[in-house]
């Protein structure tokens, strides 16, 4: 898949599950920029973390979301469409480029799923995120019957 090696799905970090299936929709809990070895990318975008670095972190989050989809579905071909992303950026108060950061995940999903990867999206800034991670993204995915 585009030369991307999916890691094992990251486990939840608190009292929740990584995904919930309801009918033909799969709701994916927020994932962070966790490397396969467990290392997390941390810091504030706009203060020590550049847009290009954060874009790569959002892409990594996308890979982790794909890993959860793979674990939940057994096969990514069961994805009918990526419906919605909520991208959260740990940003400095004056940061304005949230959409460019979250494009890291959006671009990956479009590359993987083609037209079915185009989605509705929100990209917003927060004063902090759990563990000081740079980016967190959650998703809603429609499934083939």
Protein backbone atom coordinates (compact mmCIF):
# COMPACT_ATOMS: atom_id res chain seq x y z
CA UNK A 1 0.00 0.00 0.00
CA UNK A 2 2.01 2.96 -1.33
CA UNK A 3 5.08 1.54 0.40
CA UNK A 4 3.48 2.17 3.81
CA UNK A 5 4.03 -0.55 6.39
CA UNK A 6 1.12 -0.58 8.83
CA UNK A 7 2.19 -0.98 12.45
CA UNK A 8 0.06 -2.82 14.98
CA UNK A 9 -2.91 -0.67 15.97
CA UNK A 10 -1.90 1.53 18.93
CA UNK A 11 -3.68 0.54 22.14
CA UNK A 12 -5.97 3.02 23.93
CA UNK A 13 -4.21 5.25 26.45
CA UNK A 14 -7.21 5.54 28.80
CA UNK A 15 -10.67 4.08 29.43
CA UNK A 16 -11.97 3.85 25.84
CA UNK A 17 -11.76 1.59 22.78
CA UNK A 18 -9.96 2.35 19.53
CA UNK A 19 -13.11 2.04 17.44
CA UNK A 20 -16.84 1.42 17.54
CA UNK A 21 -18.83 0.00 14.67
CA UNK A 22 -22.45 1.09 14.43
CA UNK A 23 -24.23 -0.23 11.36
CA UNK A 24 -22.23 0.65 8.27
CA UNK A 25 -20.15 3.28 10.07
CA UNK A 26 -16.85 2.82 11.86
CA UNK A 27 -16.01 5.52 14.41
CA UNK A 28 -12.29 5.76 15.13
CA UNK A 29 -11.08 7.25 18.40
CA UNK A 30 -8.48 9.97 18.23
CA UNK A 31 -4.95 8.78 17.50
CA UNK A 32 -1.70 10.63 18.02
CA UNK A 33 1.64 10.67 16.22
CA UNK A 34 2.94 7.40 17.69
CA UNK A 35 5.85 5.67 15.99
CA UNK A 36 5.83 1.86 15.76
CA UNK A 37 8.38 1.75 18.62
CA UNK A 38 5.95 3.66 20.87
CA UNK A 39 7.70 7.03 20.68
CA UNK A 40 5.33 10.02 20.48
CA UNK A 41 6.01 13.32 18.71
CA UNK A 42 5.40 16.14 21.15
CA UNK A 43 5.53 19.91 21.22
CA UNK A 44 3.62 22.95 20.15
CA UNK A 45 3.17 23.68 16.46
CA UNK A 46 4.28 27.23 15.78
CA UNK A 47 6.68 27.14 18.76
CA UNK A 48 9.47 24.70 17.98
CA UNK A 49 7.48 22.41 15.67
CA UNK A 50 7.19 23.55 12.05
CA UNK A 51 4.21 23.10 9.74
CA UNK A 52 6.19 20.61 7.63
CA UNK A 53 7.12 18.56 10.71
CA UNK A 54 3.52 18.62 11.96
CA UNK A 55 2.29 17.61 8.46
CA UNK A 56 4.47 14.49 8.76
CA UNK A 57 3.09 13.88 12.27
CA UNK A 58 -0.47 14.09 10.86
CA UNK A 59 0.52 11.62 8.15
CA UNK A 60 1.80 9.28 10.86
CA UNK A 61 -1.52 9.67 12.67
CA UNK A 62 -3.21 8.67 9.40
CA UNK A 63 -1.07 5.53 9.26
CA UNK A 64 -2.14 4.70 12.82
CA UNK A 65 -5.79 5.26 11.90
CA UNK A 66 -5.31 2.90 8.93
CA UNK A 67 -3.84 0.33 11.33
CA UNK A 68 -6.96 0.58 13.51
CA UNK A 69 -9.18 0.21 10.41
CA UNK A 70 -7.18 -2.85 9.36
CA UNK A 71 -7.51 -4.40 12.81
CA UNK A 72 -11.23 -3.62 13.01
CA UNK A 73 -12.13 -4.75 9.48
CA UNK A 74 -9.48 -7.30 8.56
CA UNK A 75 -9.21 -5.71 5.11
CA UNK A 76 -9.05 -2.06 4.08
CA UNK A 77 -11.02 -2.88 0.92
CA UNK A 78 -14.09 -2.92 3.19
CA UNK A 79 -13.80 0.88 3.47
CA UNK A 80 -16.47 2.42 1.24
CA UNK A 81 -15.57 6.02 2.03
CA UNK A 82 -13.79 8.20 4.55
CA UNK A 83 -16.68 10.36 5.76
CA UNK A 84 -15.19 12.83 8.25
CA UNK A 85 -11.97 13.75 10.02
CA UNK A 86 -11.54 15.92 13.09
CA UNK A 87 -7.95 17.14 13.24
CA UNK A 88 -6.67 18.77 16.42
CA UNK A 89 -3.38 20.65 16.46
CA UNK A 90 -1.45 21.50 19.63
CA UNK A 91 -0.77 25.05 18.48
CA UNK A 92 0.67 28.31 19.71
CA UNK A 93 -2.00 31.01 20.20
CA UNK A 94 -1.02 32.86 17.01
CA UNK A 95 -0.78 29.75 14.77
CA UNK A 96 -3.04 29.89 11.70
CA UNK A 97 -2.08 26.94 9.45
CA UNK A 98 -4.10 24.12 11.04
CA UNK A 99 -5.53 22.95 7.68
CA UNK A 100 -2.04 22.56 6.18
CA UNK A 101 -1.01 20.37 9.12
CA UNK A 102 -4.04 18.07 8.92
CA UNK A 103 -3.48 17.73 5.16
CA UNK A 104 -0.82 15.19 6.17
CA UNK A 105 -3.60 12.76 7.05
CA UNK A 106 -6.05 13.88 4.36
CA UNK A 107 -3.46 13.53 1.58
CA UNK A 108 -2.60 10.02 2.79
CA UNK A 109 -6.25 8.91 2.83
CA UNK A 110 -6.79 10.26 -0.70
CA UNK A 111 -3.64 8.45 -1.87
CA UNK A 112 -4.81 5.18 -0.26
CA UNK A 113 -8.52 5.26 -1.07
CA UNK A 114 -8.66 7.49 -4.16
CA UNK A 115 -11.98 9.30 -4.60
CA UNK A 116 -13.36 7.44 -1.56
CA UNK A 117 -10.67 9.11 0.54
CA UNK A 118 -12.11 12.60 0.02
CA UNK A 119 -13.89 13.59 3.22
CA UNK A 120 -15.50 16.34 5.24
CA UNK A 121 -13.10 17.74 7.83
CA UNK A 122 -12.48 20.13 10.66
CA UNK A 123 -8.95 21.28 11.53
CA UNK A 124 -8.74 23.18 14.79
CA UNK A 125 -6.15 24.37 17.27
CA UNK A 126 -5.94 23.55 20.95
CA UNK A 127 -3.86 24.99 23.77
CA UNK A 128 -2.77 21.46 24.68
CA UNK A 129 -3.32 17.83 23.76
CA UNK A 130 -2.82 14.68 25.88
CA UNK A 131 0.84 13.97 26.57
CA UNK A 132 1.72 17.22 24.77
CA UNK A 133 1.37 15.43 21.38
CA UNK A 134 1.52 17.68 18.34
CA UNK A 135 -1.56 16.33 16.54
CA UNK A 136 -4.60 14.16 17.27
CA UNK A 137 -7.07 13.02 14.61
CA UNK A 138 -10.30 11.03 14.79
CA UNK A 139 -12.30 9.67 11.85
CA UNK A 140 -15.65 8.33 10.72
CA UNK A 141 -15.55 5.75 7.93
CA UNK A 142 -18.43 4.26 5.91
CA UNK A 143 -18.21 0.51 5.25
CA UNK A 144 -19.27 -1.69 2.38
CA UNK A 145 -22.27 -3.84 3.29
